[in-house]
Amino acid sequence: MAISEFEVKRCEREIQKFLDVQRPPAHIRNEVDFSYRIENQSVELFEIRPEWKNPEKKIEIPFAKATFVKKEKLWKIYWQRQDLKWHSYKPAPRVRYFEEFLSIVSEDAEGCFFG
């Protein structure tokens, strides 16, 4: 089940605050940038950069995901490893509030999200 429209708006507002801090300077955003997508009950953060073989083509490289579990009223946190699969973020696999997820990604204490 998808998250509510109200929750989507709240997530978008919080993500915008996150992006305001995390995005690279405007003059290099054509080389590297960050964005997000919300699908069903998940919010995915990803990096946008030119493809190395074809710089005219942009690719998206996901690095963090939060999935809302309505029954438990919490967010599960995932990071994408080199195997291109989502793995639970062991230091904090679950958080109650979406803002906590963004804070964990920003801090990146384990070097999982931004390397």
PDB file of N, CA and C in Angstrom:
ATOM      1  N   MET A   1       0.830  -1.184   0.000  1.00  0.00           N
ATOM      2  CA  MET A   1       0.000   0.000   0.000  1.00  0.00           C
ATOM      3  C   MET A   1       0.876   1.249   0.000  1.00  0.00           C
ATOM      4  N   ALA A   2       0.534   2.199  -0.814  1.00  0.00           N
ATOM      5  CA  ALA A   2       1.294   3.442  -0.940  1.00  0.00           C
ATOM      6  C   ALA A   2       1.099   4.322   0.292  1.00  0.00           C
ATOM      7  N   ILE A   3       2.099   5.167   0.548  1.00  0.00           N
ATOM      8  CA  ILE A   3       1.959   6.102   1.662  1.00  0.00           C
ATOM      9  C   ILE A   3       0.942   7.170   1.273  1.00  0.00           C
ATOM     10  N   SER A   4       0.339   7.791   2.261  1.00  0.00           N
ATOM     11  CA  SER A   4      -0.732   8.759   2.022  1.00  0.00           C
ATOM     12  C   SER A   4      -0.213   9.999   1.301  1.00  0.00           C
ATOM     13  N   GLU A   5      -1.134  10.705   0.689  1.00  0.00           N
ATOM     14  CA  GLU A   5      -0.788  11.947  -0.009  1.00  0.00           C
ATOM     15  C   GLU A   5      -0.202  12.967   0.971  1.00  0.00           C
ATOM     16  N   PHE A   6      -0.746  13.001   2.163  1.00  0.00           N
ATOM     17  CA  PHE A   6      -0.234  13.897   3.202  1.00  0.00           C
ATOM     18  C   PHE A   6       1.218  13.549   3.526  1.00  0.00           C
ATOM     19  N   GLU A   7       1.499  12.253   3.690  1.00  0.00           N
ATOM     20  CA  GLU A   7       2.861  11.805   4.003  1.00  0.00           C
ATOM     21  C   GLU A   7       3.814  12.091   2.845  1.00  0.00           C
ATOM     22  N   VAL A   8       3.337  11.931   1.614  1.00  0.00           N
ATOM     23  CA  VAL A   8       4.168  12.245   0.434  1.00  0.00           C
ATOM     24  C   VAL A   8       4.578  13.712   0.470  1.00  0.00           C
ATOM     25  N   LYS A   9       3.648  14.594   0.729  1.00  0.00           N
ATOM     26  CA  LYS A   9       3.959  16.037   0.777  1.00  0.00           C
ATOM     27  C   LYS A   9       4.956  16.343   1.885  1.00  0.00           C
ATOM     28  N   ARG A  10       4.777  15.707   3.042  1.00  0.00           N
ATOM     29  CA  ARG A  10       5.688  15.922   4.159  1.00  0.00           C
ATOM     30  C   ARG A  10       7.093  15.426   3.796  1.00  0.00           C
ATOM     31  N   CYS A  11       7.168  14.263   3.163  1.00  0.00           N
ATOM     32  CA  CYS A  11       8.468  13.719   2.737  1.00  0.00           C
ATOM     33  C   CYS A  11       9.133  14.646   1.722  1.00  0.00           C
ATOM     34  N   GLU A  12       8.358  15.128   0.764  1.00  0.00           N
ATOM     35  CA  GLU A  12       8.916  16.031  -0.248  1.00  0.00           C
ATOM     36  C   GLU A  12       9.472  17.302   0.386  1.00  0.00           C
ATOM     37  N   ARG A  13       8.769  17.832   1.373  1.00  0.00           N
ATOM     38  CA  ARG A  13       9.235  19.038   2.062  1.00  0.00           C
ATOM     39  C   ARG A  13      10.562  18.757   2.789  1.00  0.00           C
ATOM     40  N   GLU A  14      10.649  17.619   3.470  1.00  0.00           N
ATOM     41  CA  GLU A  14      11.867  17.271   4.198  1.00  0.00           C
ATOM     42  C   GLU A  14      13.021  16.949   3.241  1.00  0.00           C
ATOM     43  N   ILE A  15      12.719  16.282   2.135  1.00  0.00           N
ATOM     44  CA  ILE A  15      13.756  15.976   1.140  1.00  0.00           C
ATOM     45  C   ILE A  15      14.309  17.260   0.545  1.00  0.00           C
ATOM     46  N   GLN A  16      13.450  18.231   0.315  1.00  0.00           N
ATOM     47  CA  GLN A  16      13.924  19.504  -0.235  1.00  0.00           C
ATOM     48  C   GLN A  16      14.914  20.166   0.703  1.00  0.00           C
ATOM     49  N   LYS A  17      14.656  20.119   2.009  1.00  0.00           N
ATOM     50  CA  LYS A  17      15.607  20.659   2.990  1.00  0.00           C
ATOM     51  C   LYS A  17      16.930  19.892   2.911  1.00  0.00           C
ATOM     52  N   PHE A  18      16.845  18.562   2.818  1.00  0.00           N
ATOM     53  CA  PHE A  18      18.022  17.702   2.698  1.00  0.00           C
ATOM     54  C   PHE A  18      18.822  18.070   1.450  1.00  0.00           C
ATOM     55  N   LEU A  19      18.138  18.200   0.311  1.00  0.00           N
ATOM     56  CA  LEU A  19      18.815  18.523  -0.944  1.00  0.00           C
ATOM     57  C   LEU A  19      19.435  19.913  -0.924  1.00  0.00           C
ATOM     58  N   ASP A  20      18.791  20.851  -0.262  1.00  0.00           N
ATOM     59  CA  ASP A  20      19.347  22.203  -0.160  1.00  0.00           C
ATOM     60  C   ASP A  20      20.737  22.183   0.478  1.00  0.00           C
ATOM     61  N   VAL A  21      20.960  21.241   1.384  1.00  0.00           N
ATOM     62  CA  VAL A  21      22.250  21.122   2.069  1.00  0.00           C
ATOM     63  C   VAL A  21      23.216  20.218   1.296  1.00  0.00           C
ATOM     64  N   GLN A  22      22.718  19.102   0.765  1.00  0.00           N
ATOM     65  CA  GLN A  22      23.577  18.064   0.201  1.00  0.00           C
ATOM     66  C   GLN A  22      23.957  18.250  -1.270  1.00  0.00           C
ATOM     67  N   ARG A  23      23.130  18.940  -2.032  1.00  0.00           N
ATOM     68  CA  ARG A  23      23.421  19.067  -3.471  1.00  0.00           C
ATOM     69  C   ARG A  23      24.717  19.820  -3.697  1.00  0.00           C
ATOM     70  N   PRO A  24      25.438  19.433  -4.752  1.00  0.00           N
ATOM     71  CA  PRO A  24      26.666  20.160  -5.083  1.00  0.00           C
ATOM     72  C   PRO A  24      26.349  21.579  -5.563  1.00  0.00           C
ATOM     73  N   PRO A  25      27.356  22.450  -5.656  1.00  0.00           N
ATOM     74  CA  PRO A  25      27.124  23.810  -6.139  1.00  0.00           C
ATOM     75  C   PRO A  25      26.492  23.799  -7.538  1.00  0.00           C
ATOM     76  N   ALA A  26      25.699  24.810  -7.826  1.00  0.00           N
ATOM     77  CA  ALA A  26      24.938  24.886  -9.084  1.00  0.00           C
ATOM     78  C   ALA A  26      25.817  24.747 -10.324  1.00  0.00           C
ATOM     79  N   HIS A  27      27.024  25.277 -10.279  1.00  0.00           N
ATOM     80  CA  HIS A  27      27.874  25.262 -11.473  1.00  0.00           C
ATOM     81  C   HIS A  27      28.396  23.864 -11.843  1.00  0.00           C
ATOM     82  N   ILE A  28      28.280  22.878 -10.954  1.00  0.00           N
ATOM     83  CA  ILE A  28      28.729  21.527 -11.324  1.00  0.00           C
ATOM     84  C   ILE A  28      27.588  20.498 -11.360  1.00  0.00           C
ATOM     85  N   ARG A  29      26.364  20.949 -11.212  1.00  0.00           N
ATOM     86  CA  ARG A  29      25.235  20.019 -11.184  1.00  0.00           C
ATOM     87  C   ARG A  29      25.002  19.299 -12.512  1.00  0.00           C
ATOM     88  N   ASN A  30      25.580  19.795 -13.599  1.00  0.00           N
ATOM     89  CA  ASN A  30      25.478  19.056 -14.859  1.00  0.00           C
ATOM     90  C   ASN A  30      26.431  17.860 -14.847  1.00  0.00           C
ATOM     91  N   GLU A  31      27.397  17.842 -13.906  1.00  0.00           N
ATOM     92  CA  GLU A  31      28.340  16.735 -13.773  1.00  0.00           C
ATOM     93  C   GLU A  31      27.920  15.748 -12.680  1.00  0.00           C
ATOM     94  N   VAL A  32      27.341  16.255 -11.610  1.00  0.00           N
ATOM     95  CA  VAL A  32      26.854  15.407 -10.514  1.00  0.00           C
ATOM     96  C   VAL A  32      25.765  16.163  -9.757  1.00  0.00           C
ATOM     97  N   ASP A  33      24.689  15.438  -9.440  1.00  0.00           N
ATOM     98  CA  ASP A  33      23.571  16.042  -8.720  1.00  0.00           C
ATOM     99  C   ASP A  33      22.859  14.947  -7.932  1.00  0.00           C
ATOM    100  N   PHE A  34      21.949  15.346  -7.062  1.00  0.00           N
ATOM    101  CA  PHE A  34      21.145  14.397  -6.287  1.00  0.00           C
ATOM    102  C   PHE A  34      19.677  14.669  -6.532  1.00  0.00           C
ATOM    103  N   SER A  35      18.880  13.605  -6.476  1.00  0.00           N
ATOM    104  CA  SER A  35      17.441  13.750  -6.588  1.00  0.00           C
ATOM    105  C   SER A  35      16.777  12.590  -5.857  1.00  0.00           C
ATOM    106  N   TYR A  36      15.467  12.452  -6.039  1.00  0.00           N
ATOM    107  CA  TYR A  36      14.713  11.422  -5.326  1.00  0.00           C
ATOM    108  C   TYR A  36      13.502  10.992  -6.149  1.00  0.00           C
ATOM    109  N   ARG A  37      12.944   9.866  -5.757  1.00  0.00           N
ATOM    110  CA  ARG A  37      11.659   9.427  -6.304  1.00  0.00           C
ATOM    111  C   ARG A  37      10.879   8.779  -5.172  1.00  0.00           C
ATOM    112  N   ILE A  38       9.564   8.928  -5.258  1.00  0.00           N
ATOM    113  CA  ILE A  38       8.672   8.296  -4.293  1.00  0.00           C
ATOM    114  C   ILE A  38       7.778   7.351  -5.079  1.00  0.00           C
ATOM    115  N   GLU A  39       7.861   6.064  -4.736  1.00  0.00           N
ATOM    116  CA  GLU A  39       7.038   5.055  -5.392  1.00  0.00           C
ATOM    117  C   GLU A  39       6.437   4.155  -4.327  1.00  0.00           C
ATOM    118  N   ASN A  40       5.120   4.018  -4.381  1.00  0.00           N
ATOM    119  CA  ASN A  40       4.397   3.204  -3.403  1.00  0.00           C
ATOM    120  C   ASN A  40       4.755   3.651  -1.994  1.00  0.00           C
ATOM    121  N   GLN A  41       5.360   2.782  -1.185  1.00  0.00           N
ATOM    122  CA  GLN A  41       5.693   3.147   0.187  1.00  0.00           C
ATOM    123  C   GLN A  41       7.169   3.454   0.383  1.00  0.00           C
ATOM    124  N   SER A  42       7.915   3.606  -0.711  1.00  0.00           N
ATOM    125  CA  SER A  42       9.361   3.834  -0.621  1.00  0.00           C
ATOM    126  C   SER A  42       9.787   5.192  -1.172  1.00  0.00           C
ATOM    127  N   VAL A  43      10.837   5.725  -0.542  1.00  0.00           N
ATOM    128  CA  VAL A  43      11.495   6.947  -0.997  1.00  0.00           C
ATOM    129  C   VAL A  43      12.929   6.566  -1.313  1.00  0.00           C
ATOM    130  N   GLU A  44      13.350   6.850  -2.539  1.00  0.00           N
ATOM    131  CA  GLU A  44      14.698   6.489  -2.982  1.00  0.00           C
ATOM    132  C   GLU A  44      15.488   7.750  -3.314  1.00  0.00           C
ATOM    133  N   LEU A  45      16.692   7.824  -2.782  1.00  0.00           N
ATOM    134  CA  LEU A  45      17.602   8.930  -3.093  1.00  0.00           C
ATOM    135  C   LEU A  45      18.634   8.419  -4.081  1.00  0.00           C
ATOM    136  N   PHE A  46      18.968   9.248  -5.075  1.00  0.00           N
ATOM    137  CA  PHE A  46      19.937   8.803  -6.071  1.00  0.00           C
ATOM    138  C   PHE A  46      20.788   9.954  -6.575  1.00  0.00           C
ATOM    139  N   GLU A  47      21.944   9.568  -7.112  1.00  0.00           N
ATOM    140  CA  GLU A  47      22.896  10.499  -7.712  1.00  0.00           C
ATOM    141  C   GLU A  47      22.638  10.517  -9.220  1.00  0.00           C
ATOM    142  N   ILE A  48      22.768  11.680  -9.827  1.00  0.00           N
ATOM    143  CA  ILE A  48      22.627  11.815 -11.277  1.00  0.00           C
ATOM    144  C   ILE A  48      23.967  12.279 -11.827  1.00  0.00           C
ATOM    145  N   ARG A  49      24.458  11.559 -12.838  1.00  0.00           N
ATOM    146  CA  ARG A  49      25.726  11.955 -13.462  1.00  0.00           C
ATOM    147  C   ARG A  49      25.748  11.471 -14.900  1.00  0.00           C
ATOM    148  N   PRO A  50      26.629  12.025 -15.730  1.00  0.00           N
ATOM    149  CA  PRO A  50      26.736  11.564 -17.119  1.00  0.00           C
ATOM    150  C   PRO A  50      27.274  10.137 -17.173  1.00  0.00           C
ATOM    151  N   GLU A  51      26.789   9.385 -18.134  1.00  0.00           N
ATOM    152  CA  GLU A  51      27.319   8.042 -18.360  1.00  0.00           C
ATOM    153  C   GLU A  51      28.745   8.182 -18.878  1.00  0.00           C
ATOM    154  N   TRP A  52      29.662   7.354 -18.422  1.00  0.00           N
ATOM    155  CA  TRP A  52      31.072   7.536 -18.785  1.00  0.00           C
ATOM    156  C   TRP A  52      31.335   7.252 -20.252  1.00  0.00           C
ATOM    157  N   LYS A  53      30.592   6.338 -20.879  1.00  0.00           N
ATOM    158  CA  LYS A  53      30.796   6.049 -22.303  1.00  0.00           C
ATOM    159  C   LYS A  53      30.097   7.057 -23.203  1.00  0.00           C
ATOM    160  N   ASN A  54      29.017   7.611 -22.702  1.00  0.00           N
ATOM    161  CA  ASN A  54      28.224   8.557 -23.476  1.00  0.00           C
ATOM    162  C   ASN A  54      27.834   9.723 -22.565  1.00  0.00           C
ATOM    163  N   PRO A  55      28.666  10.746 -22.449  1.00  0.00           N
ATOM    164  CA  PRO A  55      28.416  11.855 -21.527  1.00  0.00           C
ATOM    165  C   PRO A  55      27.117  12.625 -21.784  1.00  0.00           C
ATOM    166  N   GLU A  56      26.536  12.450 -22.954  1.00  0.00           N
ATOM    167  CA  GLU A  56      25.261  13.117 -23.243  1.00  0.00           C
ATOM    168  C   GLU A  56      24.106  12.442 -22.498  1.00  0.00           C
ATOM    169  N   LYS A  57      24.295  11.197 -22.116  1.00  0.00           N
ATOM    170  CA  LYS A  57      23.253  10.433 -21.436  1.00  0.00           C
ATOM    171  C   LYS A  57      23.471  10.492 -19.927  1.00  0.00           C
ATOM    172  N   LYS A  58      22.418  10.788 -19.174  1.00  0.00           N
ATOM    173  CA  LYS A  58      22.491  10.849 -17.715  1.00  0.00           C
ATOM    174  C   LYS A  58      22.062   9.498 -17.129  1.00  0.00           C
ATOM    175  N   ILE A  59      22.747   9.101 -16.052  1.00  0.00           N
ATOM    176  CA  ILE A  59      22.370   7.877 -15.355  1.00  0.00           C
ATOM    177  C   ILE A  59      22.037   8.207 -13.904  1.00  0.00           C
ATOM    178  N   GLU A  60      21.220   7.365 -13.303  1.00  0.00           N
ATOM    179  CA  GLU A  60      20.835   7.520 -11.908  1.00  0.00           C
ATOM    180  C   GLU A  60      21.462   6.377 -11.110  1.00  0.00           C
ATOM    181  N   ILE A  61      22.123   6.728 -10.023  1.00  0.00           N
ATOM    182  CA  ILE A  61      22.780   5.739  -9.173  1.00  0.00           C
ATOM    183  C   ILE A  61      22.166   5.836  -7.771  1.00  0.00           C
ATOM    184  N   PRO A  62      21.252   4.917  -7.441  1.00  0.00           N
ATOM    185  CA  PRO A  62      20.614   4.957  -6.121  1.00  0.00           C
ATOM    186  C   PRO A  62      21.618   4.723  -5.000  1.00  0.00           C
ATOM    187  N   PHE A  63      21.415   5.402  -3.861  1.00  0.00           N
ATOM    188  CA  PHE A  63      22.323   5.199  -2.735  1.00  0.00           C
ATOM    189  C   PHE A  63      21.616   5.038  -1.398  1.00  0.00           C
ATOM    190  N   ALA A  64      20.353   5.418  -1.291  1.00  0.00           N
ATOM    191  CA  ALA A  64      19.632   5.264  -0.025  1.00  0.00           C
ATOM    192  C   ALA A  64      18.145   5.086  -0.308  1.00  0.00           C
ATOM    193  N   LYS A  65      17.510   4.280   0.550  1.00  0.00           N
ATOM    194  CA  LYS A  65      16.073   4.059   0.394  1.00  0.00           C
ATOM    195  C   LYS A  65      15.444   3.892   1.768  1.00  0.00           C
ATOM    196  N   ALA A  66      14.258   4.470   1.919  1.00  0.00           N
ATOM    197  CA  ALA A  66      13.463   4.282   3.129  1.00  0.00           C
ATOM    198  C   ALA A  66      12.102   3.749   2.703  1.00  0.00           C
ATOM    199  N   THR A  67      11.663   2.694   3.360  1.00  0.00           N
ATOM    200  CA  THR A  67      10.375   2.091   3.052  1.00  0.00           C
ATOM    201  C   THR A  67       9.504   2.153   4.295  1.00  0.00           C
ATOM    202  N   PHE A  68       8.290   2.713   4.132  1.00  0.00           N
ATOM    203  CA  PHE A  68       7.370   2.865   5.246  1.00  0.00           C
ATOM    204  C   PHE A  68       6.596   1.568   5.453  1.00  0.00           C
ATOM    205  N   VAL A  69       6.604   1.092   6.700  1.00  0.00           N
ATOM    206  CA  VAL A  69       5.844  -0.106   7.070  1.00  0.00           C
ATOM    207  C   VAL A  69       4.673   0.380   7.909  1.00  0.00           C
ATOM    208  N   LYS A  70       3.523   0.480   7.266  1.00  0.00           N
ATOM    209  CA  LYS A  70       2.349   1.074   7.906  1.00  0.00           C
ATOM    210  C   LYS A  70       1.926   0.320   9.168  1.00  0.00           C
ATOM    211  N   LYS A  71       1.957  -0.994   9.106  1.00  0.00           N
ATOM    212  CA  LYS A  71       1.538  -1.823  10.236  1.00  0.00           C
ATOM    213  C   LYS A  71       2.369  -1.534  11.485  1.00  0.00           C
ATOM    214  N   GLU A  72       3.662  -1.285  11.291  1.00  0.00           N
ATOM    215  CA  GLU A  72       4.563  -1.029  12.412  1.00  0.00           C
ATOM    216  C   GLU A  72       4.782   0.463  12.660  1.00  0.00           C
ATOM    217  N   LYS A  73       4.306   1.304  11.744  1.00  0.00           N
ATOM    218  CA  LYS A  73       4.460   2.760  11.832  1.00  0.00           C
ATOM    219  C   LYS A  73       5.928   3.160  11.982  1.00  0.00           C
ATOM    220  N   LEU A  74       6.751   2.643  11.053  1.00  0.00           N
ATOM    221  CA  LEU A  74       8.167   2.995  11.052  1.00  0.00           C
ATOM    222  C   LEU A  74       8.717   2.917   9.641  1.00  0.00           C
ATOM    223  N   TRP A  75       9.918   3.454   9.491  1.00  0.00           N
ATOM    224  CA  TRP A  75      10.631   3.460   8.211  1.00  0.00           C
ATOM    225  C   TRP A  75      11.800   2.493   8.297  1.00  0.00           C
ATOM    226  N   LYS A  76      11.947   1.620   7.315  1.00  0.00           N
ATOM    227  CA  LYS A  76      13.106   0.741   7.212  1.00  0.00           C
ATOM    228  C   LYS A  76      14.130   1.421   6.297  1.00  0.00           C
ATOM    229  N   ILE A  77      15.384   1.382   6.698  1.00  0.00           N
ATOM    230  CA  ILE A  77      16.456   2.059   5.958  1.00  0.00           C
ATOM    231  C   ILE A  77      17.305   1.033   5.211  1.00  0.00           C
ATOM    232  N   TYR A  78      17.588   1.369   3.956  1.00  0.00           N
ATOM    233  CA  TYR A  78      18.405   0.504   3.107  1.00  0.00           C
ATOM    234  C   TYR A  78      19.495   1.320   2.413  1.00  0.00           C
ATOM    235  N   TRP A  79      20.577   0.639   2.059  1.00  0.00           N
ATOM    236  CA  TRP A  79      21.635   1.237   1.246  1.00  0.00           C
ATOM    237  C   TRP A  79      21.975   0.249   0.157  1.00  0.00           C
ATOM    238  N   GLN A  80      22.491   0.763  -0.962  1.00  0.00           N
ATOM    239  CA  GLN A  80      22.802  -0.098  -2.090  1.00  0.00           C
ATOM    240  C   GLN A  80      24.287  -0.403  -2.128  1.00  0.00           C
ATOM    241  N   ARG A  81      24.611  -1.697  -2.073  1.00  0.00           N
ATOM    242  CA  ARG A  81      26.003  -2.132  -2.107  1.00  0.00           C
ATOM    243  C   ARG A  81      26.477  -2.281  -3.546  1.00  0.00           C
ATOM    244  N   GLN A  82      27.721  -2.696  -3.706  1.00  0.00           N
ATOM    245  CA  GLN A  82      28.301  -2.874  -5.032  1.00  0.00           C
ATOM    246  C   GLN A  82      27.586  -3.953  -5.834  1.00  0.00           C
ATOM    247  N   ASP A  83      26.884  -4.867  -5.162  1.00  0.00           N
ATOM    248  CA  ASP A  83      26.145  -5.916  -5.869  1.00  0.00           C
ATOM    249  C   ASP A  83      24.830  -5.392  -6.450  1.00  0.00           C
ATOM    250  N   LEU A  84      24.584  -4.081  -6.284  1.00  0.00           N
ATOM    251  CA  LEU A  84      23.390  -3.390  -6.787  1.00  0.00           C
ATOM    252  C   LEU A  84      22.101  -3.891  -6.145  1.00  0.00           C
ATOM    253  N   LYS A  85      22.208  -4.468  -4.967  1.00  0.00           N
ATOM    254  CA  LYS A  85      21.044  -4.906  -4.204  1.00  0.00           C
ATOM    255  C   LYS A  85      20.908  -4.038  -2.964  1.00  0.00           C
ATOM    256  N   TRP A  86      19.662  -3.876  -2.517  1.00  0.00           N
ATOM    257  CA  TRP A  86      19.407  -3.102  -1.315  1.00  0.00           C
ATOM    258  C   TRP A  86      19.673  -3.961  -0.086  1.00  0.00           C
ATOM    259  N   HIS A  87      20.409  -3.382   0.874  1.00  0.00           N
ATOM    260  CA  HIS A  87      20.738  -4.075   2.117  1.00  0.00           C
ATOM    261  C   HIS A  87      20.282  -3.209   3.290  1.00  0.00           C
ATOM    262  N   SER A  88      19.794  -3.868   4.316  1.00  0.00           N
ATOM    263  CA  SER A  88      19.380  -3.157   5.516  1.00  0.00           C
ATOM    264  C   SER A  88      20.576  -2.413   6.103  1.00  0.00           C
ATOM    265  N   TYR A  89      20.345  -1.203   6.533  1.00  0.00           N
ATOM    266  CA  TYR A  89      21.411  -0.400   7.140  1.00  0.00           C
ATOM    267  C   TYR A  89      21.537  -0.827   8.600  1.00  0.00           C
ATOM    268  N   LYS A  90      22.499  -1.688   8.894  1.00  0.00           N
ATOM    269  CA  LYS A  90      22.622  -2.353  10.197  1.00  0.00           C
ATOM    270  C   LYS A  90      22.742  -1.416  11.407  1.00  0.00           C
ATOM    271  N   PRO A  91      23.474  -0.296  11.323  1.00  0.00           N
ATOM    272  CA  PRO A  91      23.547   0.561  12.515  1.00  0.00           C
ATOM    273  C   PRO A  91      22.175   1.098  12.954  1.00  0.00           C
ATOM    274  N   ALA A  92      21.259   1.304  12.014  1.00  0.00           N
ATOM    275  CA  ALA A  92      19.924   1.801  12.335  1.00  0.00           C
ATOM    276  C   ALA A  92      18.960   1.280  11.269  1.00  0.00           C
ATOM    277  N   PRO A  93      18.537   0.015  11.376  1.00  0.00           N
ATOM    278  CA  PRO A  93      17.692  -0.557  10.333  1.00  0.00           C
ATOM    279  C   PRO A  93      16.284   0.033  10.268  1.00  0.00           C
ATOM    280  N   ARG A  94      15.840   0.611  11.380  1.00  0.00           N
ATOM    281  CA  ARG A  94      14.484   1.181  11.431  1.00  0.00           C
ATOM    282  C   ARG A  94      14.499   2.498  12.203  1.00  0.00           C
ATOM    283  N   VAL A  95      13.653   3.409  11.765  1.00  0.00           N
ATOM    284  CA  VAL A  95      13.456   4.664  12.494  1.00  0.00           C
ATOM    285  C   VAL A  95      11.965   4.983  12.513  1.00  0.00           C
ATOM    286  N   ARG A  96      11.557   5.739  13.482  1.00  0.00           N
ATOM    287  CA  ARG A  96      10.134   6.072  13.583  1.00  0.00           C
ATOM    288  C   ARG A  96       9.758   7.210  12.629  1.00  0.00           C
ATOM    289  N   TYR A  97      10.654   8.174  12.445  1.00  0.00           N
ATOM    290  CA  TYR A  97      10.320   9.357  11.652  1.00  0.00           C
ATOM    291  C   TYR A  97      11.193   9.458  10.402  1.00  0.00           C
ATOM    292  N   PHE A  98      10.602   9.941   9.325  1.00  0.00           N
ATOM    293  CA  PHE A  98      11.310  10.092   8.056  1.00  0.00           C
ATOM    294  C   PHE A  98      12.505  11.027   8.194  1.00  0.00           C
ATOM    295  N   GLU A  99      12.371  12.058   9.002  1.00  0.00           N
ATOM    296  CA  GLU A  99      13.467  12.997   9.218  1.00  0.00           C
ATOM    297  C   GLU A  99      14.701  12.304   9.794  1.00  0.00           C
ATOM    298  N   GLU A 100      14.482  11.274  10.605  1.00  0.00           N
ATOM    299  CA  GLU A 100      15.599  10.503  11.161  1.00  0.00           C
ATOM    300  C   GLU A 100      16.370   9.793  10.048  1.00  0.00           C
ATOM    301  N   PHE A 101      15.643   9.270   9.076  1.00  0.00           N
ATOM    302  CA  PHE A 101      16.284   8.633   7.917  1.00  0.00           C
ATOM    303  C   PHE A 101      17.197   9.626   7.211  1.00  0.00           C
ATOM    304  N   LEU A 102      16.691  10.813   6.927  1.00  0.00           N
ATOM    305  CA  LEU A 102      17.505  11.819   6.226  1.00  0.00           C
ATOM    306  C   LEU A 102      18.706  12.249   7.057  1.00  0.00           C
ATOM    307  N   SER A 103      18.528  12.317   8.353  1.00  0.00           N
ATOM    308  CA  SER A 103      19.632  12.671   9.240  1.00  0.00           C
ATOM    309  C   SER A 103      20.723  11.605   9.203  1.00  0.00           C
ATOM    310  N   ILE A 104      20.323  10.344   9.207  1.00  0.00           N
ATOM    311  CA  ILE A 104      21.282   9.229   9.139  1.00  0.00           C
ATOM    312  C   ILE A 104      22.035   9.259   7.815  1.00  0.00           C
ATOM    313  N   VAL A 105      21.326   9.517   6.731  1.00  0.00           N
ATOM    314  CA  VAL A 105      21.974   9.591   5.416  1.00  0.00           C
ATOM    315  C   VAL A 105      22.947  10.768   5.384  1.00  0.00           C
ATOM    316  N   SER A 106      22.535  11.910   5.889  1.00  0.00           N
ATOM    317  CA  SER A 106      23.413  13.096   5.912  1.00  0.00           C
ATOM    318  C   SER A 106      24.683  12.843   6.711  1.00  0.00           C
ATOM    319  N   GLU A 107      24.523  12.230   7.866  1.00  0.00           N
ATOM    320  CA  GLU A 107      25.672  11.957   8.724  1.00  0.00           C
ATOM    321  C   GLU A 107      26.594  10.917   8.090  1.00  0.00           C
ATOM    322  N   ASP A 108      26.029   9.892   7.507  1.00  0.00           N
ATOM    323  CA  ASP A 108      26.773   8.814   6.826  1.00  0.00           C
ATOM    324  C   ASP A 108      27.953   8.318   7.645  1.00  0.00           C
ATOM    325  N   ALA A 109      27.697   7.992   8.905  1.00  0.00           N
ATOM    326  CA  ALA A 109      28.747   7.578   9.836  1.00  0.00           C
ATOM    327  C   ALA A 109      29.512   6.335   9.381  1.00  0.00           C
ATOM    328  N   GLU A 110      28.864   5.449   8.638  1.00  0.00           N
ATOM    329  CA  GLU A 110      29.505   4.211   8.188  1.00  0.00           C
ATOM    330  C   GLU A 110      30.055   4.306   6.772  1.00  0.00           C
ATOM    331  N   GLY A 111      29.870   5.438   6.105  1.00  0.00           N
ATOM    332  CA  GLY A 111      30.341   5.596   4.726  1.00  0.00           C
ATOM    333  C   GLY A 111      29.580   4.762   3.720  1.00  0.00           C
ATOM    334  N   CYS A 112      28.339   4.445   4.011  1.00  0.00           N
ATOM    335  CA  CYS A 112      27.527   3.597   3.131  1.00  0.00           C
ATOM    336  C   CYS A 112      26.811   4.386   2.043  1.00  0.00           C
ATOM    337  N   PHE A 113      26.440   5.607   2.313  1.00  0.00           N
ATOM    338  CA  PHE A 113      25.603   6.356   1.383  1.00  0.00           C
ATOM    339  C   PHE A 113      26.408   7.199   0.401  1.00  0.00           C
ATOM    340  N   PHE A 114      27.367   7.941   0.912  1.00  0.00           N
ATOM    341  CA  PHE A 114      28.167   8.808   0.047  1.00  0.00           C
ATOM    342  C   PHE A 114      29.584   8.285  -0.157  1.00  0.00           C
ATOM    343  N   GLY A 115      29.899   7.134   0.431  1.00  0.00           N
ATOM    344  CA  GLY A 115      31.201   6.502   0.247  1.00  0.00           C
ATOM    345  C   GLY A 115      32.232   7.107   1.104  1.00  0.00           C
TER     346      GLY A 115
END
